[in-house]
Amino acid sequence: MRGRLIWGALILGALVFALQGGEYSTLDIVRQHRRAAELTIRADSIQRAVDSLTRAERLVRTDPATQERIAREEFGMVRGGEILYRFLPDTTAAR
């Protein structure tokens, strides 16, 4: 009876070591798979951002409508014959 108990404990110990021992335990492998999935999602998100920026750059370089919109919005440029009106805030009401 005592011999069976010792063998049973040895076999149980070997099974626990097989699952949890060594360089990476089962829990470490599960964590690594979870981290790999998170990194894949993050890489996909970054790739979408890069694709969007690449598309925007291409439009800025080649699309005349985009270039005109940026010139008007960012630099206040107008076409020949147009008049640009700028309205300044009323500074007399603040006194």
Protein backbone atom coordinates (compact mmCIF):
# COMPACT_ATOMS: atom_id res chain seq x y z
CA MET A 1 0.00 0.00 0.00
CA ARG A 2 2.78 2.39 0.90
CA GLY A 3 4.59 1.63 -2.36
CA ARG A 4 1.49 2.47 -4.39
CA LEU A 5 1.13 5.76 -2.54
CA ILE A 6 4.76 6.67 -3.28
CA TRP A 7 4.40 5.71 -6.97
CA GLY A 8 1.15 7.65 -7.22
CA ALA A 9 2.82 10.73 -5.70
CA LEU A 10 5.75 10.38 -8.12
CA ILE A 11 3.46 10.06 -11.13
CA LEU A 12 1.37 13.04 -9.95
CA GLY A 13 4.55 15.06 -9.43
CA ALA A 14 5.79 14.13 -12.92
CA LEU A 15 2.46 15.19 -14.46
CA VAL A 16 2.52 18.54 -12.62
CA PHE A 17 6.12 19.12 -13.72
CA ALA A 18 5.25 18.18 -17.30
CA LEU A 19 2.47 20.79 -17.36
CA GLN A 20 3.98 23.56 -15.22
CA GLY A 21 7.70 22.91 -15.12
CA GLY A 22 10.46 23.65 -17.53
CA GLU A 23 11.34 26.96 -19.15
CA TYR A 24 7.74 27.89 -20.01
CA SER A 25 4.78 26.69 -18.01
CA THR A 26 1.34 26.17 -19.50
CA LEU A 27 0.26 29.46 -17.95
CA ASP A 28 3.22 31.26 -19.59
CA ILE A 29 2.28 29.82 -22.98
CA VAL A 30 -1.33 30.98 -22.57
CA ARG A 31 -0.08 34.47 -21.65
CA GLN A 32 2.21 34.50 -24.70
CA HIS A 33 -0.67 33.55 -27.02
CA ARG A 34 -2.84 36.29 -25.52
CA ARG A 35 -0.03 38.85 -25.93
CA ALA A 36 0.56 37.75 -29.53
CA ALA A 37 -3.14 38.27 -30.28
CA GLU A 38 -3.04 41.76 -28.71
CA LEU A 39 0.04 42.68 -30.74
CA THR A 40 -1.60 41.44 -33.94
CA ILE A 41 -4.62 43.66 -33.29
CA ARG A 42 -2.35 46.62 -32.56
CA ALA A 43 -0.30 46.01 -35.71
CA ASP A 44 -3.49 45.87 -37.80
CA SER A 45 -4.63 49.18 -36.31
CA ILE A 46 -1.27 50.81 -37.05
CA GLN A 47 -1.35 49.43 -40.61
CA ARG A 48 -4.78 50.99 -41.19
CA ALA A 49 -3.44 54.34 -39.94
CA VAL A 50 -0.43 54.09 -42.27
CA ASP A 51 -2.70 53.23 -45.21
CA SER A 52 -4.91 56.23 -44.44
CA LEU A 53 -1.92 58.57 -44.22
CA THR A 54 -0.48 57.18 -47.45
CA ARG A 55 -3.78 57.80 -49.22
CA ALA A 56 -3.92 61.36 -47.81
CA GLU A 57 -0.35 62.02 -48.95
CA ARG A 58 -1.16 60.79 -52.46
CA LEU A 59 -4.16 63.12 -52.61
CA VAL A 60 -2.12 66.11 -51.42
CA ARG A 61 0.53 65.43 -54.04
CA THR A 62 -1.70 64.64 -57.03
CA ASP A 63 -5.31 65.84 -56.53
CA PRO A 64 -5.91 69.48 -57.54
CA ALA A 65 -9.15 69.71 -55.53
CA THR A 66 -7.37 68.62 -52.35
CA GLN A 67 -4.52 71.01 -53.02
CA GLU A 68 -6.96 73.89 -53.51
CA ARG A 69 -8.88 73.01 -50.34
CA ILE A 70 -5.66 73.01 -48.30
CA ALA A 71 -4.51 76.28 -49.89
CA ARG A 72 -7.82 77.94 -49.02
CA GLU A 73 -8.26 76.51 -45.52
CA GLU A 74 -4.70 76.55 -44.24
CA PHE A 75 -3.16 79.51 -46.04
CA GLY A 76 -6.17 81.73 -46.75
CA MET A 77 -5.45 81.82 -50.47
CA VAL A 78 -8.09 82.94 -52.98
CA ARG A 79 -8.54 82.66 -56.73
CA GLY A 80 -8.05 85.66 -58.99
CA GLY A 81 -11.06 87.97 -58.78
CA GLU A 82 -12.25 86.65 -55.42
CA ILE A 83 -12.27 88.84 -52.33
CA LEU A 84 -11.45 87.41 -48.92
CA TYR A 85 -13.26 88.94 -45.95
CA ARG A 86 -11.82 88.41 -42.48
CA PHE A 87 -13.90 89.23 -39.46
CA LEU A 88 -11.99 90.15 -36.32
CA PRO A 89 -13.49 89.75 -32.86
CA ASP A 90 -14.90 92.91 -31.27
CA THR A 91 -12.24 94.03 -28.78
CA THR A 92 -14.20 97.05 -27.50
CA ALA A 93 -16.85 94.94 -25.74
CA ALA A 94 -14.23 93.26 -23.54
CA ARG A 95 -13.21 96.56 -21.85
